[in-house]
C-alpha atoms as a PDB file:
ATOM      1  CA  UNK A   1     -24.503   3.318   5.440  1.00  0.00           C
ATOM      2  CA  UNK A   2     -21.415   3.935   7.490  1.00  0.00           C
ATOM      3  CA  UNK A   3     -19.385   0.772   6.523  1.00  0.00           C
ATOM      4  CA  UNK A   4     -16.276   1.894   8.992  1.00  0.00           C
ATOM      5  CA  UNK A   5     -15.613   0.289  12.310  1.00  0.00           C
ATOM      6  CA  UNK A   6     -12.990   2.119  14.570  1.00  0.00           C
ATOM      7  CA  UNK A   7      -9.367   1.292  14.702  1.00  0.00           C
ATOM      8  CA  UNK A   8      -7.785  -0.595  17.606  1.00  0.00           C
ATOM      9  CA  UNK A   9      -4.489   1.197  18.535  1.00  0.00           C
ATOM     10  CA  UNK A  10      -2.851  -0.491  21.439  1.00  0.00           C
ATOM     11  CA  UNK A  11      -0.569   2.324  22.542  1.00  0.00           C
ATOM     12  CA  UNK A  12       2.589   1.443  24.604  1.00  0.00           C
ATOM     13  CA  UNK A  13       2.994   3.270  27.960  1.00  0.00           C
ATOM     14  CA  UNK A  14       6.139   5.364  27.465  1.00  0.00           C
ATOM     15  CA  UNK A  15       7.824   8.433  29.049  1.00  0.00           C
ATOM     16  CA  UNK A  16       6.417  11.742  27.780  1.00  0.00           C
ATOM     17  CA  UNK A  17       9.604  12.589  26.359  1.00  0.00           C
ATOM     18  CA  UNK A  18       9.544   9.217  24.492  1.00  0.00           C
ATOM     19  CA  UNK A  19       6.112   9.544  22.517  1.00  0.00           C
ATOM     20  CA  UNK A  20       5.011   6.862  19.844  1.00  0.00           C
ATOM     21  CA  UNK A  21       3.312   6.917  16.659  1.00  0.00           C
ATOM     22  CA  UNK A  22      -0.131   5.366  18.295  1.00  0.00           C
ATOM     23  CA  UNK A  23      -0.231   8.200  20.913  1.00  0.00           C
ATOM     24  CA  UNK A  24       0.352  11.052  18.510  1.00  0.00           C
ATOM     25  CA  UNK A  25      -1.817   9.902  15.395  1.00  0.00           C
ATOM     26  CA  UNK A  26      -4.574  12.497  15.097  1.00  0.00           C
ATOM     27  CA  UNK A  27      -3.963  14.350  18.001  1.00  0.00           C
ATOM     28  CA  UNK A  28      -4.004  17.713  16.498  1.00  0.00           C
ATOM     29  CA  UNK A  29      -7.420  17.108  14.511  1.00  0.00           C
ATOM     30  CA  UNK A  30     -10.932  16.987  15.761  1.00  0.00           C
ATOM     31  CA  UNK A  31     -11.895  14.930  12.929  1.00  0.00           C
ATOM     32  CA  UNK A  32     -10.800  13.857   9.330  1.00  0.00           C
ATOM     33  CA  UNK A  33     -11.894  16.768   7.324  1.00  0.00           C
ATOM     34  CA  UNK A  34      -8.680  18.798   7.752  1.00  0.00           C
ATOM     35  CA  UNK A  35      -6.267  15.721   7.809  1.00  0.00           C
ATOM     36  CA  UNK A  36      -3.274  15.872   5.762  1.00  0.00           C
ATOM     37  CA  UNK A  37      -3.032  12.084   5.565  1.00  0.00           C
ATOM     38  CA  UNK A  38      -5.554   9.342   6.167  1.00  0.00           C
ATOM     39  CA  UNK A  39      -5.316   5.615   7.074  1.00  0.00           C
ATOM     40  CA  UNK A  40      -7.871   3.179   6.180  1.00  0.00           C
ATOM     41  CA  UNK A  41      -7.946  -0.719   6.754  1.00  0.00           C
ATOM     42  CA  UNK A  42      -9.121  -3.141   4.168  1.00  0.00           C
ATOM     43  CA  UNK A  43      -9.321  -6.610   6.205  1.00  0.00           C
ATOM     44  CA  UNK A  44     -10.435  -8.673   3.193  1.00  0.00           C
ATOM     45  CA  UNK A  45      -8.635 -11.806   1.734  1.00  0.00           C
ATOM     46  CA  UNK A  46     -11.445 -13.331  -0.241  1.00  0.00           C
ATOM     47  CA  UNK A  47      -9.297 -12.611  -3.277  1.00  0.00           C
ATOM     48  CA  UNK A  48      -6.338 -14.519  -1.963  1.00  0.00           C
ATOM     49  CA  UNK A  49      -8.564 -17.636  -1.164  1.00  0.00           C
ATOM     50  CA  UNK A  50     -10.002 -17.527  -4.727  1.00  0.00           C
ATOM     51  CA  UNK A  51      -6.529 -17.099  -6.263  1.00  0.00           C
ATOM     52  CA  UNK A  52      -5.348 -20.237  -4.242  1.00  0.00           C
ATOM     53  CA  UNK A  53      -3.036 -18.093  -1.734  1.00  0.00           C
ATOM     54  CA  UNK A  54      -2.504 -18.660   1.879  1.00  0.00           C
ATOM     55  CA  UNK A  55      -5.346 -17.029   3.702  1.00  0.00           C
ATOM     56  CA  UNK A  56      -4.928 -14.526   6.723  1.00  0.00           C
ATOM     57  CA  UNK A  57      -4.335 -11.296   5.234  1.00  0.00           C
ATOM     58  CA  UNK A  58      -7.689 -10.075   6.550  1.00  0.00           C
ATOM     59  CA  UNK A  59      -5.784  -9.684   9.841  1.00  0.00           C
ATOM     60  CA  UNK A  60      -3.039  -7.603   8.139  1.00  0.00           C
ATOM     61  CA  UNK A  61      -4.548  -4.169   9.356  1.00  0.00           C
ATOM     62  CA  UNK A  62      -4.694  -4.682  12.918  1.00  0.00           C
ATOM     63  CA  UNK A  63      -1.137  -6.285  12.733  1.00  0.00           C
ATOM     64  CA  UNK A  64       0.231  -3.508  10.951  1.00  0.00           C
ATOM     65  CA  UNK A  65      -1.329  -1.075  13.450  1.00  0.00           C
ATOM     66  CA  UNK A  66       0.043  -2.785  16.477  1.00  0.00           C
ATOM     67  CA  UNK A  67       3.550  -2.653  14.907  1.00  0.00           C
ATOM     68  CA  UNK A  68       3.255   0.979  13.666  1.00  0.00           C
ATOM     69  CA  UNK A  69       1.913   2.373  17.251  1.00  0.00           C
ATOM     70  CA  UNK A  70       5.260   1.357  18.725  1.00  0.00           C
ATOM     71  CA  UNK A  71       7.600   3.225  16.407  1.00  0.00           C
ATOM     72  CA  UNK A  72       9.065   6.691  17.463  1.00  0.00           C
ATOM     73  CA  UNK A  73       8.914   9.689  15.050  1.00  0.00           C
ATOM     74  CA  UNK A  74      12.056  10.161  12.982  1.00  0.00           C
ATOM     75  CA  UNK A  75      14.346  11.947  14.910  1.00  0.00           C
ATOM     76  CA  UNK A  76      16.153  13.536  12.105  1.00  0.00           C
ATOM     77  CA  UNK A  77      12.796  15.223  11.161  1.00  0.00           C
ATOM     78  CA  UNK A  78      11.397  15.275  14.564  1.00  0.00           C
ATOM     79  CA  UNK A  79       9.156  18.279  14.542  1.00  0.00           C
ATOM     80  CA  UNK A  80       7.942  17.849  11.055  1.00  0.00           C
ATOM     81  CA  UNK A  81       7.290  14.283  11.895  1.00  0.00           C
ATOM     82  CA  UNK A  82       5.294  14.980  15.074  1.00  0.00           C
ATOM     83  CA  UNK A  83       3.062  17.480  13.207  1.00  0.00           C
ATOM     84  CA  UNK A  84       2.439  14.913  10.424  1.00  0.00           C
ATOM     85  CA  UNK A  85       1.383  12.376  12.794  1.00  0.00           C
ATOM     86  CA  UNK A  86      -0.942  14.928  14.734  1.00  0.00           C
ATOM     87  CA  UNK A  87      -2.592  15.914  11.238  1.00  0.00           C
ATOM     88  CA  UNK A  88      -3.002  12.097  10.260  1.00  0.00           C
ATOM     89  CA  UNK A  89      -6.420  10.401  10.708  1.00  0.00           C
ATOM     90  CA  UNK A  90      -7.231   6.865  10.941  1.00  0.00           C
ATOM     91  CA  UNK A  91     -10.748   6.333   9.276  1.00  0.00           C
ATOM     92  CA  UNK A  92     -10.885   2.916  10.711  1.00  0.00           C
ATOM     93  CA  UNK A  93     -11.360  -0.599   8.834  1.00  0.00           C
ATOM     94  CA  UNK A  94     -13.971  -1.144   6.179  1.00  0.00           C
ATOM     95  CA  UNK A  95     -16.516  -3.716   7.412  1.00  0.00           C
ATOM     96  CA  UNK A  96     -16.482  -6.590   5.258  1.00  0.00           C
ATOM     97  CA  UNK A  97     -19.806  -7.783   3.521  1.00  0.00           C
ATOM     98  CA  UNK A  98     -18.533 -10.952   2.499  1.00  0.00           C
ATOM     99  CA  UNK A  99     -18.866  -9.943  -1.288  1.00  0.00           C
ATOM    100  CA  UNK A 100     -15.553  -8.811  -2.659  1.00  0.00           C
ATOM    101  CA  UNK A 101     -16.944  -6.584  -5.581  1.00  0.00           C
ATOM    102  CA  UNK A 102     -19.101  -4.735  -3.037  1.00  0.00           C
ATOM    103  CA  UNK A 103     -16.219  -4.240  -0.612  1.00  0.00           C
ATOM    104  CA  UNK A 104     -13.921  -3.042  -3.242  1.00  0.00           C
ATOM    105  CA  UNK A 105     -16.565  -0.470  -4.370  1.00  0.00           C
ATOM    106  CA  UNK A 106     -17.041   0.505  -0.672  1.00  0.00           C
ATOM    107  CA  UNK A 107     -13.378   1.085  -0.288  1.00  0.00           C
ATOM    108  CA  UNK A 108     -13.347   3.296  -3.279  1.00  0.00           C
ATOM    109  CA  UNK A 109     -16.413   5.366  -1.947  1.00  0.00           C
ATOM    110  CA  UNK A 110     -14.621   5.728   1.366  1.00  0.00           C
ATOM    111  CA  UNK A 111     -11.266   7.099  -0.193  1.00  0.00           C
ATOM    112  CA  UNK A 112     -13.033   9.431  -2.951  1.00  0.00           C
ATOM    113  CA  UNK A 113     -13.769  12.552  -0.857  1.00  0.00           C
ATOM    114  CA  UNK A 114     -10.304  12.607   0.871  1.00  0.00           C
ATOM    115  CA  UNK A 115      -8.426  12.040  -2.686  1.00  0.00           C
ATOM    116  CA  UNK A 116     -10.739  14.849  -4.073  1.00  0.00           C
ATOM    117  CA  UNK A 117      -9.940  17.452  -1.316  1.00  0.00           C
ATOM    118  CA  UNK A 118      -6.044  16.390  -1.588  1.00  0.00           C
ATOM    119  CA  UNK A 119      -5.388  14.424   1.344  1.00  0.00           C
ATOM    120  CA  UNK A 120      -2.867  11.629   1.008  1.00  0.00           C
ATOM    121  CA  UNK A 121      -4.193   8.318   1.660  1.00  0.00           C
ATOM    122  CA  UNK A 122      -2.616   5.009   2.957  1.00  0.00           C
ATOM    123  CA  UNK A 123      -4.592   2.018   2.722  1.00  0.00           C
ATOM    124  CA  UNK A 124      -3.609  -1.007   4.817  1.00  0.00           C
ATOM    125  CA  UNK A 125      -4.478  -4.361   3.199  1.00  0.00           C
ATOM    126  CA  UNK A 126      -5.785  -7.054   2.977  1.00  0.00           C
ATOM    127  CA  UNK A 127      -4.794  -9.195  -0.191  1.00  0.00           C
ATOM    128  CA  UNK A 128      -3.751  -7.458  -3.294  1.00  0.00           C
ATOM    129  CA  UNK A 129      -7.524  -7.186  -4.450  1.00  0.00           C
ATOM    130  CA  UNK A 130      -7.190  -4.039  -1.998  1.00  0.00           C
ATOM    131  CA  UNK A 131      -5.494  -2.422  -5.097  1.00  0.00           C
ATOM    132  CA  UNK A 132      -8.868  -2.215  -7.218  1.00  0.00           C
ATOM    133  CA  UNK A 133     -10.659  -0.554  -4.272  1.00  0.00           C
ATOM    134  CA  UNK A 134      -7.835   1.890  -4.112  1.00  0.00           C
ATOM    135  CA  UNK A 135      -7.801   2.611  -7.682  1.00  0.00           C
ATOM    136  CA  UNK A 136     -11.868   2.967  -7.475  1.00  0.00           C
ATOM    137  CA  UNK A 137     -11.170   5.616  -5.077  1.00  0.00           C
ATOM    138  CA  UNK A 138      -9.585   7.778  -7.503  1.00  0.00           C
ATOM    139  CA  UNK A 139     -11.916   7.012 -10.365  1.00  0.00           C
ATOM    140  CA  UNK A 140     -15.016   7.679  -8.032  1.00  0.00           C
ATOM    141  CA  UNK A 141     -13.398  11.156  -7.537  1.00  0.00           C
ATOM    142  CA  UNK A 142     -13.032  11.614 -11.101  1.00  0.00           C
ATOM    143  CA  UNK A 143      -9.269  11.472 -11.079  1.00  0.00           C
ATOM    144  CA  UNK A 144      -7.014   9.652 -13.436  1.00  0.00           C
ATOM    145  CA  UNK A 145      -4.010   7.958 -11.994  1.00  0.00           C
ATOM    146  CA  UNK A 146      -0.762   6.368 -13.033  1.00  0.00           C
ATOM    147  CA  UNK A 147       0.182   3.307 -11.168  1.00  0.00           C
ATOM    148  CA  UNK A 148       3.350   1.926  -9.766  1.00  0.00           C
ATOM    149  CA  UNK A 149       3.375  -1.597  -8.266  1.00  0.00           C
ATOM    150  CA  UNK A 150       6.337  -3.048  -6.198  1.00  0.00           C
ATOM    151  CA  UNK A 151       5.438  -6.807  -6.423  1.00  0.00           C
ATOM    152  CA  UNK A 152       6.954 -10.238  -7.504  1.00  0.00           C
ATOM    153  CA  UNK A 153       3.890 -10.761  -9.747  1.00  0.00           C
ATOM    154  CA  UNK A 154       2.234  -8.546 -12.430  1.00  0.00           C
ATOM    155  CA  UNK A 155      -1.209  -9.431 -11.028  1.00  0.00           C
ATOM    156  CA  UNK A 156      -2.802  -9.374 -14.422  1.00  0.00           C
ATOM    157  CA  UNK A 157      -4.396 -12.897 -14.276  1.00  0.00           C
ATOM    158  CA  UNK A 158      -7.868 -13.431 -15.912  1.00  0.00           C
ATOM    159  CA  UNK A 159     -10.992 -13.589 -13.761  1.00  0.00           C
ATOM    160  CA  UNK A 160     -11.960 -16.864 -12.232  1.00  0.00           C
ATOM    161  CA  UNK A 161     -15.543 -17.782 -13.217  1.00  0.00           C
ATOM    162  CA  UNK A 162     -16.099 -13.911 -14.106  1.00  0.00           C
ATOM    163  CA  UNK A 163     -14.811 -12.991 -10.523  1.00  0.00           C
ATOM    164  CA  UNK A 164     -11.814 -10.915  -9.447  1.00  0.00           C
ATOM    165  CA  UNK A 165      -9.211 -12.325  -7.150  1.00  0.00           C
ATOM    166  CA  UNK A 166      -5.901 -10.985  -5.543  1.00  0.00           C
ATOM    167  CA  UNK A 167      -4.093 -12.038  -8.824  1.00  0.00           C
ATOM    168  CA  UNK A 168      -6.328 -10.036 -11.173  1.00  0.00           C
ATOM    169  CA  UNK A 169      -6.683  -6.332  -9.918  1.00  0.00           C
ATOM    170  CA  UNK A 170      -4.403  -4.652 -12.371  1.00  0.00           C
ATOM    171  CA  UNK A 171      -5.889  -6.430 -15.169  1.00  0.00           C
ATOM    172  CA  UNK A 172      -9.397  -5.138 -13.880  1.00  0.00           C
ATOM    173  CA  UNK A 173      -7.863  -1.735 -13.439  1.00  0.00           C
ATOM    174  CA  UNK A 174      -6.326  -1.666 -16.895  1.00  0.00           C
ATOM    175  CA  UNK A 175      -9.844  -2.696 -18.476  1.00  0.00           C
ATOM    176  CA  UNK A 176     -11.999  -0.589 -16.380  1.00  0.00           C
ATOM    177  CA  UNK A 177     -14.552   1.305 -18.011  1.00  0.00           C
ATOM    178  CA  UNK A 178     -13.870   4.498 -16.568  1.00  0.00           C
ATOM    179  CA  UNK A 179     -10.491   4.666 -18.524  1.00  0.00           C
ATOM    180  CA  UNK A 180      -8.892   6.182 -15.452  1.00  0.00           C
ATOM    181  CA  UNK A 181      -5.687   4.198 -15.352  1.00  0.00           C
ATOM    182  CA  UNK A 182      -3.209   6.327 -17.436  1.00  0.00           C
ATOM    183  CA  UNK A 183      -0.558   3.876 -17.176  1.00  0.00           C
ATOM    184  CA  UNK A 184       0.829   0.835 -15.268  1.00  0.00           C
ATOM    185  CA  UNK A 185       4.179  -0.145 -14.172  1.00  0.00           C
ATOM    186  CA  UNK A 186       5.365  -3.076 -12.049  1.00  0.00           C
ATOM    187  CA  UNK A 187       8.719  -3.522 -10.637  1.00  0.00           C
ATOM    188  CA  UNK A 188      10.304  -6.139  -8.693  1.00  0.00           C
ATOM    189  CA  UNK A 189       9.163  -9.142 -10.615  1.00  0.00           C
ATOM    190  CA  UNK A 190      10.513 -12.667  -9.864  1.00  0.00           C
ATOM    191  CA  UNK A 191      11.202 -14.476 -13.297  1.00  0.00           C
ATOM    192  CA  UNK A 192      10.222 -17.967 -11.983  1.00  0.00           C
ATOM    193  CA  UNK A 193       6.776 -16.980 -10.891  1.00  0.00           C
ATOM    194  CA  UNK A 194       5.795 -14.827 -13.908  1.00  0.00           C
ATOM    195  CA  UNK A 195       3.992 -16.280 -16.977  1.00  0.00           C
ATOM    196  CA  UNK A 196       5.053 -15.015 -20.358  1.00  0.00           C
ATOM    197  CA  UNK A 197       1.425 -14.639 -21.190  1.00  0.00           C
ATOM    198  CA  UNK A 198       1.044 -12.192 -18.612  1.00  0.00           C
ATOM    199  CA  UNK A 199       3.980 -10.154 -19.724  1.00  0.00           C
ATOM    200  CA  UNK A 200       2.342 -10.384 -23.314  1.00  0.00           C
ATOM    201  CA  UNK A 201      -0.935  -9.044 -22.080  1.00  0.00           C
ATOM    202  CA  UNK A 202       1.203  -5.916 -20.508  1.00  0.00           C
ATOM    203  CA  UNK A 203       3.070  -5.373 -23.661  1.00  0.00           C
ATOM    204  CA  UNK A 204      -0.244  -5.356 -25.663  1.00  0.00           C
ATOM    205  CA  UNK A 205      -1.578  -2.742 -23.017  1.00  0.00           C
ATOM    206  CA  UNK A 206       1.487  -0.607 -23.260  1.00  0.00           C
ATOM    207  CA  UNK A 207       2.324  -1.320 -19.805  1.00  0.00           C
ATOM    208  CA  UNK A 208       5.832  -1.546 -18.316  1.00  0.00           C
ATOM    209  CA  UNK A 209       7.533  -4.118 -16.276  1.00  0.00           C
ATOM    210  CA  UNK A 210      10.964  -4.566 -14.716  1.00  0.00           C
ATOM    211  CA  UNK A 211      12.404  -7.643 -12.664  1.00  0.00           C
ATOM    212  CA  UNK A 212      13.751  -7.443  -9.161  1.00  0.00           C
ATOM    213  CA  UNK A 213      17.374  -9.190  -9.817  1.00  0.00           C
ATOM    214  CA  UNK A 214      19.802  -6.260 -10.529  1.00  0.00           C
ATOM    215  CA  UNK A 215      17.553  -3.445  -9.177  1.00  0.00           C
ATOM    216  CA  UNK A 216      19.446  -0.769  -7.604  1.00  0.00           C
ATOM    217  CA  UNK A 217      18.777   2.461  -5.442  1.00  0.00           C
ATOM    218  CA  UNK A 218      19.698   4.377  -8.400  1.00  0.00           C
ATOM    219  CA  UNK A 219      17.190   2.678 -10.694  1.00  0.00           C
ATOM    220  CA  UNK A 220      14.464   3.180  -8.192  1.00  0.00           C
ATOM    221  CA  UNK A 221      15.293   6.986  -7.951  1.00  0.00           C
ATOM    222  CA  UNK A 222      14.838   7.027 -11.680  1.00  0.00           C
ATOM    223  CA  UNK A 223      11.554   5.341 -11.384  1.00  0.00           C
ATOM    224  CA  UNK A 224      10.056   7.873  -9.198  1.00  0.00           C
ATOM    225  CA  UNK A 225      11.614  10.718 -11.167  1.00  0.00           C
ATOM    226  CA  UNK A 226       9.700   9.171 -14.321  1.00  0.00           C
ATOM    227  CA  UNK A 227       6.313   8.922 -12.560  1.00  0.00           C
ATOM    228  CA  UNK A 228       3.390  10.745 -13.931  1.00  0.00           C
ATOM    229  CA  UNK A 229       1.557  13.275 -11.451  1.00  0.00           C
ATOM    230  CA  UNK A 230      -1.479  12.004  -9.718  1.00  0.00           C
ATOM    231  CA  UNK A 231      -0.052   8.367  -9.106  1.00  0.00           C
ATOM    232  CA  UNK A 232      -0.939   5.632  -6.757  1.00  0.00           C
ATOM    233  CA  UNK A 233       1.544   3.083  -5.498  1.00  0.00           C
ATOM    234  CA  UNK A 234       1.058  -0.356  -4.218  1.00  0.00           C
ATOM    235  CA  UNK A 235       3.598  -2.202  -1.982  1.00  0.00           C
ATOM    236  CA  UNK A 236       2.847  -6.084  -2.051  1.00  0.00           C
ATOM    237  CA  UNK A 237       5.299  -7.431   0.627  1.00  0.00           C
ATOM    238  CA  UNK A 238       5.712 -10.545  -1.488  1.00  0.00           C
ATOM    239  CA  UNK A 239       8.120  -8.802  -3.529  1.00  0.00           C
ATOM    240  CA  UNK A 240      10.550  -8.927  -0.537  1.00  0.00           C
ATOM    241  CA  UNK A 241      12.727 -11.887  -0.073  1.00  0.00           C
ATOM    242  CA  UNK A 242      11.184 -14.486   2.107  1.00  0.00           C
ATOM    243  CA  UNK A 243      14.104 -14.504   4.916  1.00  0.00           C
ATOM    244  CA  UNK A 244      12.835 -10.873   5.673  1.00  0.00           C
ATOM    245  CA  UNK A 245       9.099 -11.089   5.059  1.00  0.00           C
ATOM    246  CA  UNK A 246       8.016 -14.676   5.722  1.00  0.00           C
ATOM    247  CA  UNK A 247       4.343 -13.686   6.767  1.00  0.00           C
ATOM    248  CA  UNK A 248       2.983 -13.061   3.314  1.00  0.00           C
ATOM    249  CA  UNK A 249       0.169 -14.631   1.087  1.00  0.00           C
ATOM    250  CA  UNK A 250       2.708 -15.942  -1.579  1.00  0.00           C
ATOM    251  CA  UNK A 251       6.360 -15.930  -0.375  1.00  0.00           C
ATOM    252  CA  UNK A 252       9.199 -16.201  -2.723  1.00  0.00           C
ATOM    253  CA  UNK A 253      12.734 -17.918  -2.002  1.00  0.00           C
ATOM    254  CA  UNK A 254      14.143 -14.787  -3.457  1.00  0.00           C
ATOM    255  CA  UNK A 255      13.015 -10.899  -3.762  1.00  0.00           C
ATOM    256  CA  UNK A 256      13.976  -7.613  -2.995  1.00  0.00           C
ATOM    257  CA  UNK A 257      16.219  -6.791   0.098  1.00  0.00           C
ATOM    258  CA  UNK A 258      14.697  -4.683   2.847  1.00  0.00           C
ATOM    259  CA  UNK A 259      17.073  -1.862   2.014  1.00  0.00           C
ATOM    260  CA  UNK A 260      15.808  -1.627  -1.328  1.00  0.00           C
ATOM    261  CA  UNK A 261      12.080  -1.972  -0.395  1.00  0.00           C
ATOM    262  CA  UNK A 262      12.313   0.996   2.158  1.00  0.00           C
ATOM    263  CA  UNK A 263      13.985   3.146  -0.257  1.00  0.00           C
ATOM    264  CA  UNK A 264      11.361   2.606  -2.614  1.00  0.00           C
ATOM    265  CA  UNK A 265       8.913   3.511   0.188  1.00  0.00           C
ATOM    266  CA  UNK A 266      10.978   6.725   1.219  1.00  0.00           C
ATOM    267  CA  UNK A 267      10.965   7.814  -2.502  1.00  0.00           C
ATOM    268  CA  UNK A 268       7.195   7.293  -2.695  1.00  0.00           C
ATOM    269  CA  UNK A 269       6.823   9.564   0.176  1.00  0.00           C
ATOM    270  CA  UNK A 270       9.089  12.189  -1.336  1.00  0.00           C
ATOM    271  CA  UNK A 271       7.617  12.193  -4.791  1.00  0.00           C
ATOM    272  CA  UNK A 272       5.137  15.069  -5.343  1.00  0.00           C
ATOM    273  CA  UNK A 273       3.496  12.775  -7.783  1.00  0.00           C
ATOM    274  CA  UNK A 274       2.346  10.327  -5.267  1.00  0.00           C
ATOM    275  CA  UNK A 275      -1.143  10.858  -4.012  1.00  0.00           C
ATOM    276  CA  UNK A 276      -1.826   7.420  -2.303  1.00  0.00           C
ATOM    277  CA  UNK A 277      -0.169   4.071  -1.402  1.00  0.00           C
ATOM    278  CA  UNK A 278      -1.414   0.608  -0.139  1.00  0.00           C
ATOM    279  CA  UNK A 279       0.637  -1.915   1.628  1.00  0.00           C
ATOM    280  CA  UNK A 280      -0.941  -5.470   0.905  1.00  0.00           C
ATOM    281  CA  UNK A 281      -0.460  -9.357   1.496  1.00  0.00           C
ATOM    282  CA  UNK A 282       0.774  -9.050   5.190  1.00  0.00           C
ATOM    283  CA  UNK A 283      -0.401 -12.472   6.658  1.00  0.00           C
ATOM    284  CA  UNK A 284      -0.031 -12.431  10.443  1.00  0.00           C
ATOM    285  CA  UNK A 285      -1.030 -16.237  10.944  1.00  0.00           C
ATOM    286  CA  UNK A 286       2.111 -17.117   8.958  1.00  0.00           C
ATOM    287  CA  UNK A 287       4.728 -14.336  10.353  1.00  0.00           C
ATOM    288  CA  UNK A 288       7.426 -15.147  12.379  1.00  0.00           C
ATOM    289  CA  UNK A 289       7.857 -13.009  15.599  1.00  0.00           C
ATOM    290  CA  UNK A 290       5.909 -10.311  13.815  1.00  0.00           C
ATOM    291  CA  UNK A 291       8.876  -9.734  11.531  1.00  0.00           C
ATOM    292  CA  UNK A 292       6.772  -8.964   8.374  1.00  0.00           C
ATOM    293  CA  UNK A 293       4.316  -6.690  10.330  1.00  0.00           C
ATOM    294  CA  UNK A 294       7.314  -4.713  11.584  1.00  0.00           C
ATOM    295  CA  UNK A 295       8.661  -4.389   7.934  1.00  0.00           C
ATOM    296  CA  UNK A 296       5.262  -3.318   6.757  1.00  0.00           C
ATOM    297  CA  UNK A 297       5.025  -0.578   9.558  1.00  0.00           C
ATOM    298  CA  UNK A 298       8.392   0.568   8.666  1.00  0.00           C
ATOM    299  CA  UNK A 299       7.240   0.986   5.177  1.00  0.00           C
ATOM    300  CA  UNK A 300       4.733   3.401   6.267  1.00  0.00           C
ATOM    301  CA  UNK A 301       7.257   5.206   8.698  1.00  0.00           C
ATOM    302  CA  UNK A 302       9.573   5.658   5.611  1.00  0.00           C
ATOM    303  CA  UNK A 303       6.830   6.894   3.194  1.00  0.00           C
ATOM    304  CA  UNK A 304       6.004   9.553   6.020  1.00  0.00           C
ATOM    305  CA  UNK A 305       9.610  10.510   6.286  1.00  0.00           C
ATOM    306  CA  UNK A 306       9.917  10.660   2.738  1.00  0.00           C
ATOM    307  CA  UNK A 307       6.777  12.987   2.670  1.00  0.00           C
ATOM    308  CA  UNK A 308       8.262  15.390   4.804  1.00  0.00           C
ATOM    309  CA  UNK A 309      11.309  15.701   2.169  1.00  0.00           C
ATOM    310  CA  UNK A 310       9.062  16.476  -0.696  1.00  0.00           C
ATOM    311  CA  UNK A 311      10.206  19.276  -3.004  1.00  0.00           C
ATOM    312  CA  UNK A 312      13.741  18.671  -1.798  1.00  0.00           C
ATOM    313  CA  UNK A 313      16.679  16.458  -3.007  1.00  0.00           C
ATOM    314  CA  UNK A 314      16.988  15.254   0.558  1.00  0.00           C
ATOM    315  CA  UNK A 315      17.795  11.525   0.893  1.00  0.00           C
ATOM    316  CA  UNK A 316      16.697   8.865   3.479  1.00  0.00           C
END
């Protein structure tokens, strides 16, 4: 059964010489089969509710698309950027069933054929439970992945009454019976919201972690240089300072600056190792003047800009 609903792209009316992302997206394709890049929304936040977070992330994909539609192609990489947009297809949003595990498995089934044929995937969350469905796309395609997670929390909490949630996806991935996770590295942790028991769990699993304070652009470059091939990257907006990203499920008083966050997005795009990304925890009902939605949209824009620089030493 087709579990996807068409995406709603509200395209602003602009001069023909001033095209926007929403008008260019997919305009060079008749369907997704030959897409260089695919988008899919996961409008689910049941895992956030289970984890005691602030609900609303289910509205994230729609708000993100509205903000993304208004952006212009990168003028520094104009022709390449326009061509990339024309070869990017939005598959739409997964239709939630109300059963989180079923929805995560369905997301995996949607992603698998595109990952298998070599398309780059961008998943619009949703709570961070999105990451498990993202991983299942790789596992269903028979591919092993290394995982990089930009996050204030390690998200390896135990299950609640044997059920997963937004705080457990990477524990579920690390323990997944497929064994398709080759390694896990979480960066941006806020020390005042991380339990030592969760770091002990990561140590026992051979996973890596780094705290946000003191992080530099140079270290971000090193992290991507160390990244193993066939990687998925997860961008949890709660890793960003609350002043810049108020509309998230679990805001933090401190966090990464937008400059560091967007540098990480550009480097994800420019890294040949990265096969897919997700952007999660955007909570529109709690956003201020669409500030967080615009940052989420710019995260994808920076990823695309980096994608055009793959194979070179070009910077943002």
